[in-house]
């Protein structure tokens, strides 16, 4: 458990969502997965992110996923994604998270269109008004809206965000963010730049591959933030063939397959996600089996 009062510090797993053969949500398996992650050293979970396939969930499913996580591990360990097309809907999801007992939420910028700075600021201001701390999620690759360091500093300065999950892949931004907004917490947003951002001062990791390999992932993160490169670098090299899948289009399918390989329930994805190509499946399976053989699972 993280010792800080900020629930976004440490290793927070963007949880994959177990689906049954008919693609319905298996809430019992999800509760078990959340509990298993905490038992294996993770600090919390982030339900209803892209890895949790939130875009394909009904409102009832999305609500129950959050409630299931809170019941399993406690609200102080749960930071739901509250992305939606409009600020009003994102605010409603934030209010739902507060009612469920969560300590913070994670929020993408408006993503139905390429919003300008004024729209972005208004979006975050509306959601922050719900009263829970907000961690911004910068994913310009998918949203086409880039929360550059200057805009993040403005959002933080106006009290709308307390942290940022940085997924741009540009590790240089860590230093610019620290200069412009030293009190804004940087969270690692892409698994395959974990070491670089940890060394640059990240306070947390919104992580994908701990869904399958929590113990080794947590060991890597702890060593990296402690600047223990003698421990971190060999682990990073071993895990990187898997970690880099977190930045690929097929990241949900890849992580779920790795979960299956290590004996957890990954299972299928809802459309429009499709199955991995045979060569992709072979690559993920081989890299996961190699990690298992190395004692990393």
C-alpha atoms as a PDB file:
ATOM      1  CA  UNK A   1       0.000   0.000   0.000  1.00  0.00           C
ATOM      2  CA  UNK A   2       1.296   3.452  -0.853  1.00  0.00           C
ATOM      3  CA  UNK A   3       2.151   5.463   2.235  1.00  0.00           C
ATOM      4  CA  UNK A   4       1.176   8.796   0.712  1.00  0.00           C
ATOM      5  CA  UNK A   5      -2.255  10.413   0.908  1.00  0.00           C
ATOM      6  CA  UNK A   6      -2.185  10.770  -2.873  1.00  0.00           C
ATOM      7  CA  UNK A   7      -3.890   7.658  -4.242  1.00  0.00           C
ATOM      8  CA  UNK A   8      -2.236   8.004  -7.653  1.00  0.00           C
ATOM      9  CA  UNK A   9       1.257   7.377  -6.273  1.00  0.00           C
ATOM     10  CA  UNK A  10       2.883   3.987  -6.821  1.00  0.00           C
ATOM     11  CA  UNK A  11       1.887   1.230  -9.237  1.00  0.00           C
ATOM     12  CA  UNK A  12      -1.728   1.578 -10.327  1.00  0.00           C
ATOM     13  CA  UNK A  13      -2.799  -1.094 -12.774  1.00  0.00           C
ATOM     14  CA  UNK A  14      -5.032  -0.069 -15.656  1.00  0.00           C
ATOM     15  CA  UNK A  15      -7.052  -3.222 -15.243  1.00  0.00           C
ATOM     16  CA  UNK A  16      -8.063  -5.507 -18.071  1.00  0.00           C
ATOM     17  CA  UNK A  17     -11.680  -6.606 -17.776  1.00  0.00           C
ATOM     18  CA  UNK A  18     -12.452 -10.347 -17.743  1.00  0.00           C
ATOM     19  CA  UNK A  19     -15.241 -11.278 -20.125  1.00  0.00           C
ATOM     20  CA  UNK A  20     -17.097 -14.574 -20.361  1.00  0.00           C
ATOM     21  CA  UNK A  21     -17.468 -16.508 -23.612  1.00  0.00           C
ATOM     22  CA  UNK A  22     -20.619 -14.526 -24.424  1.00  0.00           C
ATOM     23  CA  UNK A  23     -18.626 -11.295 -23.838  1.00  0.00           C
ATOM     24  CA  UNK A  24     -20.533 -10.410 -20.663  1.00  0.00           C
ATOM     25  CA  UNK A  25     -18.494  -8.987 -17.783  1.00  0.00           C
ATOM     26  CA  UNK A  26     -17.436 -11.518 -15.160  1.00  0.00           C
ATOM     27  CA  UNK A  27     -17.538  -9.357 -12.043  1.00  0.00           C
ATOM     28  CA  UNK A  28     -16.407 -12.139  -9.720  1.00  0.00           C
ATOM     29  CA  UNK A  29     -13.278 -12.671 -11.799  1.00  0.00           C
ATOM     30  CA  UNK A  30     -12.706  -8.920 -11.876  1.00  0.00           C
ATOM     31  CA  UNK A  31     -12.927  -8.670  -8.089  1.00  0.00           C
ATOM     32  CA  UNK A  32     -10.488 -11.570  -7.800  1.00  0.00           C
ATOM     33  CA  UNK A  33      -8.133  -9.883 -10.263  1.00  0.00           C
ATOM     34  CA  UNK A  34      -8.092  -6.640  -8.276  1.00  0.00           C
ATOM     35  CA  UNK A  35      -7.402  -8.543  -5.056  1.00  0.00           C
ATOM     36  CA  UNK A  36      -4.643 -10.571  -6.724  1.00  0.00           C
ATOM     37  CA  UNK A  37      -2.912  -7.438  -7.998  1.00  0.00           C
ATOM     38  CA  UNK A  38      -2.812  -5.899  -4.520  1.00  0.00           C
ATOM     39  CA  UNK A  39      -1.602  -9.181  -3.014  1.00  0.00           C
ATOM     40  CA  UNK A  40       1.258  -9.117  -5.516  1.00  0.00           C
ATOM     41  CA  UNK A  41       2.472  -5.667  -4.542  1.00  0.00           C
ATOM     42  CA  UNK A  42       0.510  -3.227  -6.685  1.00  0.00           C
ATOM     43  CA  UNK A  43      -0.802  -0.087  -4.993  1.00  0.00           C
ATOM     44  CA  UNK A  44      -4.126   0.322  -6.748  1.00  0.00           C
ATOM     45  CA  UNK A  45      -6.195  -0.082  -9.885  1.00  0.00           C
ATOM     46  CA  UNK A  46      -7.561   2.124 -12.637  1.00  0.00           C
ATOM     47  CA  UNK A  47     -10.814   0.621 -13.931  1.00  0.00           C
ATOM     48  CA  UNK A  48     -12.657   1.883 -16.996  1.00  0.00           C
ATOM     49  CA  UNK A  49      -9.607   2.885 -18.980  1.00  0.00           C
ATOM     50  CA  UNK A  50      -8.920   1.860 -22.547  1.00  0.00           C
ATOM     51  CA  UNK A  51      -7.375  -1.383 -21.301  1.00  0.00           C
ATOM     52  CA  UNK A  52     -10.662  -2.003 -19.489  1.00  0.00           C
ATOM     53  CA  UNK A  53     -12.558  -1.507 -22.770  1.00  0.00           C
ATOM     54  CA  UNK A  54     -14.681   1.247 -21.243  1.00  0.00           C
ATOM     55  CA  UNK A  55     -15.833   2.445 -24.656  1.00  0.00           C
ATOM     56  CA  UNK A  56     -17.771  -0.807 -25.155  1.00  0.00           C
ATOM     57  CA  UNK A  57     -19.458  -0.895 -21.725  1.00  0.00           C
ATOM     58  CA  UNK A  58     -23.032   0.052 -20.947  1.00  0.00           C
ATOM     59  CA  UNK A  59     -23.520   2.699 -18.231  1.00  0.00           C
ATOM     60  CA  UNK A  60     -24.695  -0.038 -15.870  1.00  0.00           C
ATOM     61  CA  UNK A  61     -21.592  -2.147 -16.548  1.00  0.00           C
ATOM     62  CA  UNK A  62     -19.276   0.805 -16.151  1.00  0.00           C
ATOM     63  CA  UNK A  63     -20.836   1.705 -12.800  1.00  0.00           C
ATOM     64  CA  UNK A  64     -20.657  -1.860 -11.521  1.00  0.00           C
ATOM     65  CA  UNK A  65     -17.018  -2.255 -12.534  1.00  0.00           C
ATOM     66  CA  UNK A  66     -16.067   0.648 -10.257  1.00  0.00           C
ATOM     67  CA  UNK A  67     -18.238  -0.621  -7.418  1.00  0.00           C
ATOM     68  CA  UNK A  68     -16.715  -4.094  -7.784  1.00  0.00           C
ATOM     69  CA  UNK A  69     -13.173  -2.752  -7.534  1.00  0.00           C
ATOM     70  CA  UNK A  70     -14.005  -0.645  -4.479  1.00  0.00           C
ATOM     71  CA  UNK A  71     -15.689  -3.567  -2.733  1.00  0.00           C
ATOM     72  CA  UNK A  72     -12.686  -5.779  -3.445  1.00  0.00           C
ATOM     73  CA  UNK A  73      -9.794  -3.524  -2.419  1.00  0.00           C
ATOM     74  CA  UNK A  74     -11.152  -0.263  -0.966  1.00  0.00           C
ATOM     75  CA  UNK A  75     -11.873   3.077  -2.566  1.00  0.00           C
ATOM     76  CA  UNK A  76      -8.542   4.630  -1.631  1.00  0.00           C
ATOM     77  CA  UNK A  77      -6.911   2.200  -4.068  1.00  0.00           C
ATOM     78  CA  UNK A  78      -9.290   2.855  -6.983  1.00  0.00           C
ATOM     79  CA  UNK A  79      -8.868   5.692  -9.514  1.00  0.00           C
ATOM     80  CA  UNK A  80     -11.446   5.176 -12.287  1.00  0.00           C
ATOM     81  CA  UNK A  81     -11.169   6.531 -15.769  1.00  0.00           C
ATOM     82  CA  UNK A  82     -13.981   9.018 -16.379  1.00  0.00           C
ATOM     83  CA  UNK A  83     -13.456   9.763 -20.065  1.00  0.00           C
ATOM     84  CA  UNK A  84     -16.526  10.669 -22.110  1.00  0.00           C
ATOM     85  CA  UNK A  85     -17.452  12.729 -25.142  1.00  0.00           C
ATOM     86  CA  UNK A  86     -18.603  15.685 -23.051  1.00  0.00           C
ATOM     87  CA  UNK A  87     -17.585  17.344 -19.803  1.00  0.00           C
ATOM     88  CA  UNK A  88     -21.066  16.902 -18.326  1.00  0.00           C
ATOM     89  CA  UNK A  89     -20.885  13.130 -18.754  1.00  0.00           C
ATOM     90  CA  UNK A  90     -17.336  12.978 -17.400  1.00  0.00           C
ATOM     91  CA  UNK A  91     -18.493  14.955 -14.395  1.00  0.00           C
ATOM     92  CA  UNK A  92     -21.344  12.491 -13.822  1.00  0.00           C
ATOM     93  CA  UNK A  93     -18.854   9.604 -13.885  1.00  0.00           C
ATOM     94  CA  UNK A  94     -16.696  11.523 -11.408  1.00  0.00           C
ATOM     95  CA  UNK A  95     -19.667  11.995  -9.103  1.00  0.00           C
ATOM     96  CA  UNK A  96     -20.387   8.269  -9.376  1.00  0.00           C
ATOM     97  CA  UNK A  97     -16.761   7.546  -8.431  1.00  0.00           C
ATOM     98  CA  UNK A  98     -17.087   9.806  -5.402  1.00  0.00           C
ATOM     99  CA  UNK A  99     -20.302   8.069  -4.333  1.00  0.00           C
ATOM    100  CA  UNK A 100     -18.544   4.707  -4.658  1.00  0.00           C
ATOM    101  CA  UNK A 101     -15.775   5.913  -2.353  1.00  0.00           C
ATOM    102  CA  UNK A 102     -12.912   6.473  -4.795  1.00  0.00           C
ATOM    103  CA  UNK A 103     -10.106   8.875  -3.934  1.00  0.00           C
ATOM    104  CA  UNK A 104      -9.379  10.314  -7.397  1.00  0.00           C
ATOM    105  CA  UNK A 105     -10.240   9.985 -11.086  1.00  0.00           C
ATOM    106  CA  UNK A 106      -8.296   9.942 -14.343  1.00  0.00           C
ATOM    107  CA  UNK A 107      -9.530  12.111 -17.207  1.00  0.00           C
ATOM    108  CA  UNK A 108      -8.712  12.346 -20.905  1.00  0.00           C
ATOM    109  CA  UNK A 109      -9.230  15.690 -22.641  1.00  0.00           C
ATOM    110  CA  UNK A 110     -12.247  16.050 -24.956  1.00  0.00           C
ATOM    111  CA  UNK A 111     -11.697  13.342 -27.571  1.00  0.00           C
ATOM    112  CA  UNK A 112     -14.632  13.539 -29.967  1.00  0.00           C
ATOM    113  CA  UNK A 113     -12.854  16.322 -31.857  1.00  0.00           C
ATOM    114  CA  UNK A 114      -9.535  18.155 -31.781  1.00  0.00           C
ATOM    115  CA  UNK A 115     -10.260  20.576 -28.936  1.00  0.00           C
ATOM    116  CA  UNK A 116      -8.384  23.847 -28.522  1.00  0.00           C
ATOM    117  CA  UNK A 117      -6.874  25.043 -25.246  1.00  0.00           C
ATOM    118  CA  UNK A 118     -10.008  26.887 -24.140  1.00  0.00           C
ATOM    119  CA  UNK A 119     -12.138  23.786 -24.593  1.00  0.00           C
ATOM    120  CA  UNK A 120      -9.599  21.647 -22.760  1.00  0.00           C
ATOM    121  CA  UNK A 121      -9.462  24.022 -19.795  1.00  0.00           C
ATOM    122  CA  UNK A 122     -13.252  24.200 -19.627  1.00  0.00           C
ATOM    123  CA  UNK A 123     -13.482  20.412 -19.746  1.00  0.00           C
ATOM    124  CA  UNK A 124     -11.112  19.904 -16.827  1.00  0.00           C
ATOM    125  CA  UNK A 125     -12.640  22.776 -14.839  1.00  0.00           C
ATOM    126  CA  UNK A 126     -16.106  21.207 -15.093  1.00  0.00           C
ATOM    127  CA  UNK A 127     -14.937  17.794 -13.938  1.00  0.00           C
ATOM    128  CA  UNK A 128     -12.746  19.180 -11.153  1.00  0.00           C
ATOM    129  CA  UNK A 129     -15.807  21.004  -9.812  1.00  0.00           C
ATOM    130  CA  UNK A 130     -17.191  17.596  -8.781  1.00  0.00           C
ATOM    131  CA  UNK A 131     -14.701  17.681  -5.913  1.00  0.00           C
ATOM    132  CA  UNK A 132     -12.416  14.681  -6.493  1.00  0.00           C
ATOM    133  CA  UNK A 133      -8.745  15.124  -7.387  1.00  0.00           C
ATOM    134  CA  UNK A 134      -8.239  14.758 -11.134  1.00  0.00           C
ATOM    135  CA  UNK A 135      -5.264  13.149 -12.844  1.00  0.00           C
ATOM    136  CA  UNK A 136      -5.064  14.208 -16.478  1.00  0.00           C
ATOM    137  CA  UNK A 137      -4.313  11.612 -19.132  1.00  0.00           C
ATOM    138  CA  UNK A 138      -2.260  12.863 -22.049  1.00  0.00           C
ATOM    139  CA  UNK A 139      -2.605  10.531 -25.033  1.00  0.00           C
ATOM    140  CA  UNK A 140      -2.161  12.672 -28.152  1.00  0.00           C
ATOM    141  CA  UNK A 141      -1.653   9.553 -30.262  1.00  0.00           C
ATOM    142  CA  UNK A 142      -5.282   8.475 -29.843  1.00  0.00           C
ATOM    143  CA  UNK A 143      -7.096  11.685 -28.885  1.00  0.00           C
ATOM    144  CA  UNK A 144      -5.322  14.150 -31.241  1.00  0.00           C
ATOM    145  CA  UNK A 145      -5.304  16.581 -28.312  1.00  0.00           C
ATOM    146  CA  UNK A 146      -1.853  17.155 -26.836  1.00  0.00           C
ATOM    147  CA  UNK A 147      -1.585  18.282 -23.233  1.00  0.00           C
ATOM    148  CA  UNK A 148       1.793  19.937 -23.702  1.00  0.00           C
ATOM    149  CA  UNK A 149       3.730  20.978 -20.588  1.00  0.00           C
ATOM    150  CA  UNK A 150       2.605  24.595 -20.858  1.00  0.00           C
ATOM    151  CA  UNK A 151      -1.067  23.576 -20.945  1.00  0.00           C
ATOM    152  CA  UNK A 152      -0.587  21.106 -18.094  1.00  0.00           C
ATOM    153  CA  UNK A 153       1.010  23.879 -16.024  1.00  0.00           C
ATOM    154  CA  UNK A 154      -2.017  26.080 -16.694  1.00  0.00           C
ATOM    155  CA  UNK A 155      -4.463  23.322 -15.733  1.00  0.00           C
ATOM    156  CA  UNK A 156      -2.529  22.676 -12.535  1.00  0.00           C
ATOM    157  CA  UNK A 157      -2.130  26.366 -11.742  1.00  0.00           C
ATOM    158  CA  UNK A 158      -5.887  26.870 -12.013  1.00  0.00           C
ATOM    159  CA  UNK A 159      -6.478  23.946  -9.646  1.00  0.00           C
ATOM    160  CA  UNK A 160      -8.047  21.553 -12.151  1.00  0.00           C
ATOM    161  CA  UNK A 161      -5.509  18.696 -12.055  1.00  0.00           C
ATOM    162  CA  UNK A 162      -3.126  17.205  -9.506  1.00  0.00           C
ATOM    163  CA  UNK A 163      -1.182  14.825 -11.734  1.00  0.00           C
ATOM    164  CA  UNK A 164      -0.756  13.673 -15.313  1.00  0.00           C
ATOM    165  CA  UNK A 165      -0.460  10.262 -16.882  1.00  0.00           C
ATOM    166  CA  UNK A 166       2.046  10.983 -19.679  1.00  0.00           C
ATOM    167  CA  UNK A 167       1.639   8.738 -22.726  1.00  0.00           C
ATOM    168  CA  UNK A 168       3.204  10.884 -25.438  1.00  0.00           C
ATOM    169  CA  UNK A 169       6.402   8.815 -25.370  1.00  0.00           C
ATOM    170  CA  UNK A 170       8.483  11.999 -25.275  1.00  0.00           C
ATOM    171  CA  UNK A 171      10.474  11.524 -22.077  1.00  0.00           C
ATOM    172  CA  UNK A 172      11.969  15.006 -22.423  1.00  0.00           C
ATOM    173  CA  UNK A 173       8.643  16.424 -21.307  1.00  0.00           C
ATOM    174  CA  UNK A 174       9.218  15.185 -17.773  1.00  0.00           C
ATOM    175  CA  UNK A 175      11.828  17.853 -17.183  1.00  0.00           C
ATOM    176  CA  UNK A 176       9.805  20.649 -18.756  1.00  0.00           C
ATOM    177  CA  UNK A 177       6.766  19.715 -16.668  1.00  0.00           C
ATOM    178  CA  UNK A 178       8.912  19.746 -13.534  1.00  0.00           C
ATOM    179  CA  UNK A 179      10.182  23.229 -14.405  1.00  0.00           C
ATOM    180  CA  UNK A 180       6.777  24.717 -15.190  1.00  0.00           C
ATOM    181  CA  UNK A 181       4.689  22.935 -12.535  1.00  0.00           C
ATOM    182  CA  UNK A 182       6.953  21.396  -9.879  1.00  0.00           C
ATOM    183  CA  UNK A 183       4.001  20.332  -7.723  1.00  0.00           C
ATOM    184  CA  UNK A 184       2.234  18.498 -10.574  1.00  0.00           C
ATOM    185  CA  UNK A 185       2.783  14.763 -10.156  1.00  0.00           C
ATOM    186  CA  UNK A 186       4.102  12.975 -13.227  1.00  0.00           C
ATOM    187  CA  UNK A 187       2.812   9.433 -13.765  1.00  0.00           C
ATOM    188  CA  UNK A 188       4.345   6.978 -16.206  1.00  0.00           C
ATOM    189  CA  UNK A 189       1.731   6.349 -18.865  1.00  0.00           C
ATOM    190  CA  UNK A 190       3.428   3.941 -21.260  1.00  0.00           C
ATOM    191  CA  UNK A 191       5.095   0.760 -20.028  1.00  0.00           C
ATOM    192  CA  UNK A 192       7.969   0.961 -22.502  1.00  0.00           C
ATOM    193  CA  UNK A 193       9.314   4.281 -21.156  1.00  0.00           C
ATOM    194  CA  UNK A 194       9.001   3.270 -17.516  1.00  0.00           C
ATOM    195  CA  UNK A 195      12.690   3.440 -16.658  1.00  0.00           C
ATOM    196  CA  UNK A 196      13.257   6.770 -18.365  1.00  0.00           C
ATOM    197  CA  UNK A 197      10.317   8.500 -16.670  1.00  0.00           C
ATOM    198  CA  UNK A 198      10.990   6.895 -13.287  1.00  0.00           C
ATOM    199  CA  UNK A 199      14.544   8.223 -13.343  1.00  0.00           C
ATOM    200  CA  UNK A 200      13.148  11.631 -14.334  1.00  0.00           C
ATOM    201  CA  UNK A 201      11.083  11.793 -11.143  1.00  0.00           C
ATOM    202  CA  UNK A 202       7.739  10.099 -11.797  1.00  0.00           C
ATOM    203  CA  UNK A 203       5.577   9.582  -8.710  1.00  0.00           C
ATOM    204  CA  UNK A 204       3.531   6.705 -10.094  1.00  0.00           C
ATOM    205  CA  UNK A 205       2.871   4.340 -12.970  1.00  0.00           C
ATOM    206  CA  UNK A 206      -0.525   3.736 -14.568  1.00  0.00           C
ATOM    207  CA  UNK A 207       0.520   0.351 -15.812  1.00  0.00           C
ATOM    208  CA  UNK A 208      -0.575  -2.276 -18.308  1.00  0.00           C
ATOM    209  CA  UNK A 209       1.657  -5.325 -18.031  1.00  0.00           C
ATOM    210  CA  UNK A 210       1.315  -5.845 -14.280  1.00  0.00           C
ATOM    211  CA  UNK A 211      -2.048  -7.364 -15.246  1.00  0.00           C
ATOM    212  CA  UNK A 212       0.020 -10.416 -16.165  1.00  0.00           C
ATOM    213  CA  UNK A 213       3.353  -9.929 -14.366  1.00  0.00           C
ATOM    214  CA  UNK A 214       2.699  -7.901 -11.214  1.00  0.00           C
ATOM    215  CA  UNK A 215       5.587  -8.983  -8.991  1.00  0.00           C
ATOM    216  CA  UNK A 216       8.344  -8.399 -11.540  1.00  0.00           C
ATOM    217  CA  UNK A 217       6.729  -5.146 -12.694  1.00  0.00           C
ATOM    218  CA  UNK A 218       6.513  -3.792  -9.161  1.00  0.00           C
ATOM    219  CA  UNK A 219      10.118  -4.788  -8.502  1.00  0.00           C
ATOM    220  CA  UNK A 220      11.168  -2.951 -11.654  1.00  0.00           C
ATOM    221  CA  UNK A 221       9.225   0.181 -10.722  1.00  0.00           C
ATOM    222  CA  UNK A 222      10.495   0.286  -7.140  1.00  0.00           C
ATOM    223  CA  UNK A 223      14.096  -0.128  -8.276  1.00  0.00           C
ATOM    224  CA  UNK A 224      13.717   2.493 -10.992  1.00  0.00           C
ATOM    225  CA  UNK A 225      12.258   5.209  -8.755  1.00  0.00           C
ATOM    226  CA  UNK A 226      14.964   4.430  -6.174  1.00  0.00           C
ATOM    227  CA  UNK A 227      17.559   5.011  -8.913  1.00  0.00           C
ATOM    228  CA  UNK A 228      18.795   1.454  -8.372  1.00  0.00           C
ATOM    229  CA  UNK A 229      19.857   0.887 -11.957  1.00  0.00           C
ATOM    230  CA  UNK A 230      21.830  -2.232 -11.119  1.00  0.00           C
ATOM    231  CA  UNK A 231      18.502  -3.907 -10.340  1.00  0.00           C
ATOM    232  CA  UNK A 232      16.224  -1.997 -12.700  1.00  0.00           C
ATOM    233  CA  UNK A 233      18.136  -2.108 -15.962  1.00  0.00           C
ATOM    234  CA  UNK A 234      18.471  -5.911 -16.317  1.00  0.00           C
ATOM    235  CA  UNK A 235      14.782  -6.316 -15.417  1.00  0.00           C
ATOM    236  CA  UNK A 236      13.803  -3.634 -17.897  1.00  0.00           C
ATOM    237  CA  UNK A 237      15.720  -5.348 -20.669  1.00  0.00           C
ATOM    238  CA  UNK A 238      14.074  -8.682 -19.846  1.00  0.00           C
ATOM    239  CA  UNK A 239      10.565  -7.237 -19.750  1.00  0.00           C
ATOM    240  CA  UNK A 240      10.808  -4.738 -22.605  1.00  0.00           C
ATOM    241  CA  UNK A 241       9.745  -7.171 -25.369  1.00  0.00           C
ATOM    242  CA  UNK A 242       6.406  -7.303 -23.533  1.00  0.00           C
ATOM    243  CA  UNK A 243       6.275  -3.749 -22.206  1.00  0.00           C
ATOM    244  CA  UNK A 244       6.462  -2.293 -25.698  1.00  0.00           C
ATOM    245  CA  UNK A 245       3.143  -3.948 -26.577  1.00  0.00           C
ATOM    246  CA  UNK A 246       1.510  -1.407 -24.240  1.00  0.00           C
ATOM    247  CA  UNK A 247       2.166   1.257 -26.883  1.00  0.00           C
ATOM    248  CA  UNK A 248       0.771  -0.732 -29.800  1.00  0.00           C
ATOM    249  CA  UNK A 249      -2.746  -0.721 -31.221  1.00  0.00           C
ATOM    250  CA  UNK A 250      -3.236  -4.316 -30.068  1.00  0.00           C
ATOM    251  CA  UNK A 251      -2.224  -3.670 -26.451  1.00  0.00           C
ATOM    252  CA  UNK A 252      -5.465  -4.954 -24.922  1.00  0.00           C
ATOM    253  CA  UNK A 253      -5.340  -8.234 -26.834  1.00  0.00           C
ATOM    254  CA  UNK A 254      -1.628  -8.681 -26.099  1.00  0.00           C
ATOM    255  CA  UNK A 255      -1.955  -8.106 -22.354  1.00  0.00           C
ATOM    256  CA  UNK A 256      -4.997 -10.377 -22.117  1.00  0.00           C
ATOM    257  CA  UNK A 257      -3.089 -13.108 -23.954  1.00  0.00           C
ATOM    258  CA  UNK A 258      -0.176 -12.774 -21.543  1.00  0.00           C
ATOM    259  CA  UNK A 259      -2.628 -13.097 -18.670  1.00  0.00           C
ATOM    260  CA  UNK A 260      -3.889 -16.354 -20.172  1.00  0.00           C
ATOM    261  CA  UNK A 261      -0.333 -17.652 -20.618  1.00  0.00           C
ATOM    262  CA  UNK A 262       0.572 -17.053 -16.955  1.00  0.00           C
ATOM    263  CA  UNK A 263      -2.597 -18.766 -15.761  1.00  0.00           C
ATOM    264  CA  UNK A 264      -4.861 -15.777 -15.161  1.00  0.00           C
ATOM    265  CA  UNK A 265      -8.091 -15.066 -17.057  1.00  0.00           C
ATOM    266  CA  UNK A 266      -7.422 -12.684 -19.911  1.00  0.00           C
ATOM    267  CA  UNK A 267      -9.901 -13.942 -22.430  1.00  0.00           C
ATOM    268  CA  UNK A 268     -11.540 -12.228 -25.347  1.00  0.00           C
ATOM    269  CA  UNK A 269     -12.143  -8.587 -26.163  1.00  0.00           C
ATOM    270  CA  UNK A 270     -15.347  -6.945 -27.276  1.00  0.00           C
ATOM    271  CA  UNK A 271     -15.623  -5.664 -30.846  1.00  0.00           C
ATOM    272  CA  UNK A 272     -14.390  -3.612 -32.560  1.00  0.00           C
ATOM    273  CA  UNK A 273     -11.153  -5.112 -31.216  1.00  0.00           C
ATOM    274  CA  UNK A 274     -10.252  -8.204 -33.198  1.00  0.00           C
ATOM    275  CA  UNK A 275      -8.034 -11.180 -32.454  1.00  0.00           C
ATOM    276  CA  UNK A 276      -4.273 -10.902 -32.810  1.00  0.00           C
ATOM    277  CA  UNK A 277      -2.768 -12.022 -36.076  1.00  0.00           C
ATOM    278  CA  UNK A 278      -1.046 -15.420 -35.820  1.00  0.00           C
ATOM    279  CA  UNK A 279       2.415 -13.854 -35.908  1.00  0.00           C
ATOM    280  CA  UNK A 280       1.442 -11.332 -33.230  1.00  0.00           C
ATOM    281  CA  UNK A 281       0.010 -14.050 -31.016  1.00  0.00           C
ATOM    282  CA  UNK A 282       3.169 -16.120 -31.444  1.00  0.00           C
ATOM    283  CA  UNK A 283       5.388 -13.166 -30.506  1.00  0.00           C
ATOM    284  CA  UNK A 284       3.389 -12.310 -27.377  1.00  0.00           C
ATOM    285  CA  UNK A 285       3.139 -15.920 -26.304  1.00  0.00           C
ATOM    286  CA  UNK A 286       6.880 -16.544 -26.787  1.00  0.00           C
ATOM    287  CA  UNK A 287       7.890 -13.388 -24.890  1.00  0.00           C
ATOM    288  CA  UNK A 288       5.528 -14.229 -22.042  1.00  0.00           C
ATOM    289  CA  UNK A 289       6.717 -17.818 -21.809  1.00  0.00           C
ATOM    290  CA  UNK A 290      10.309 -16.559 -21.737  1.00  0.00           C
ATOM    291  CA  UNK A 291       9.427 -14.226 -18.853  1.00  0.00           C
ATOM    292  CA  UNK A 292       7.780 -17.126 -17.008  1.00  0.00           C
ATOM    293  CA  UNK A 293      10.846 -19.321 -17.551  1.00  0.00           C
ATOM    294  CA  UNK A 294      13.012 -16.518 -16.148  1.00  0.00           C
ATOM    295  CA  UNK A 295      10.948 -16.492 -12.958  1.00  0.00           C
ATOM    296  CA  UNK A 296       9.282 -13.152 -13.668  1.00  0.00           C
ATOM    297  CA  UNK A 297       5.696 -14.383 -13.347  1.00  0.00           C
END
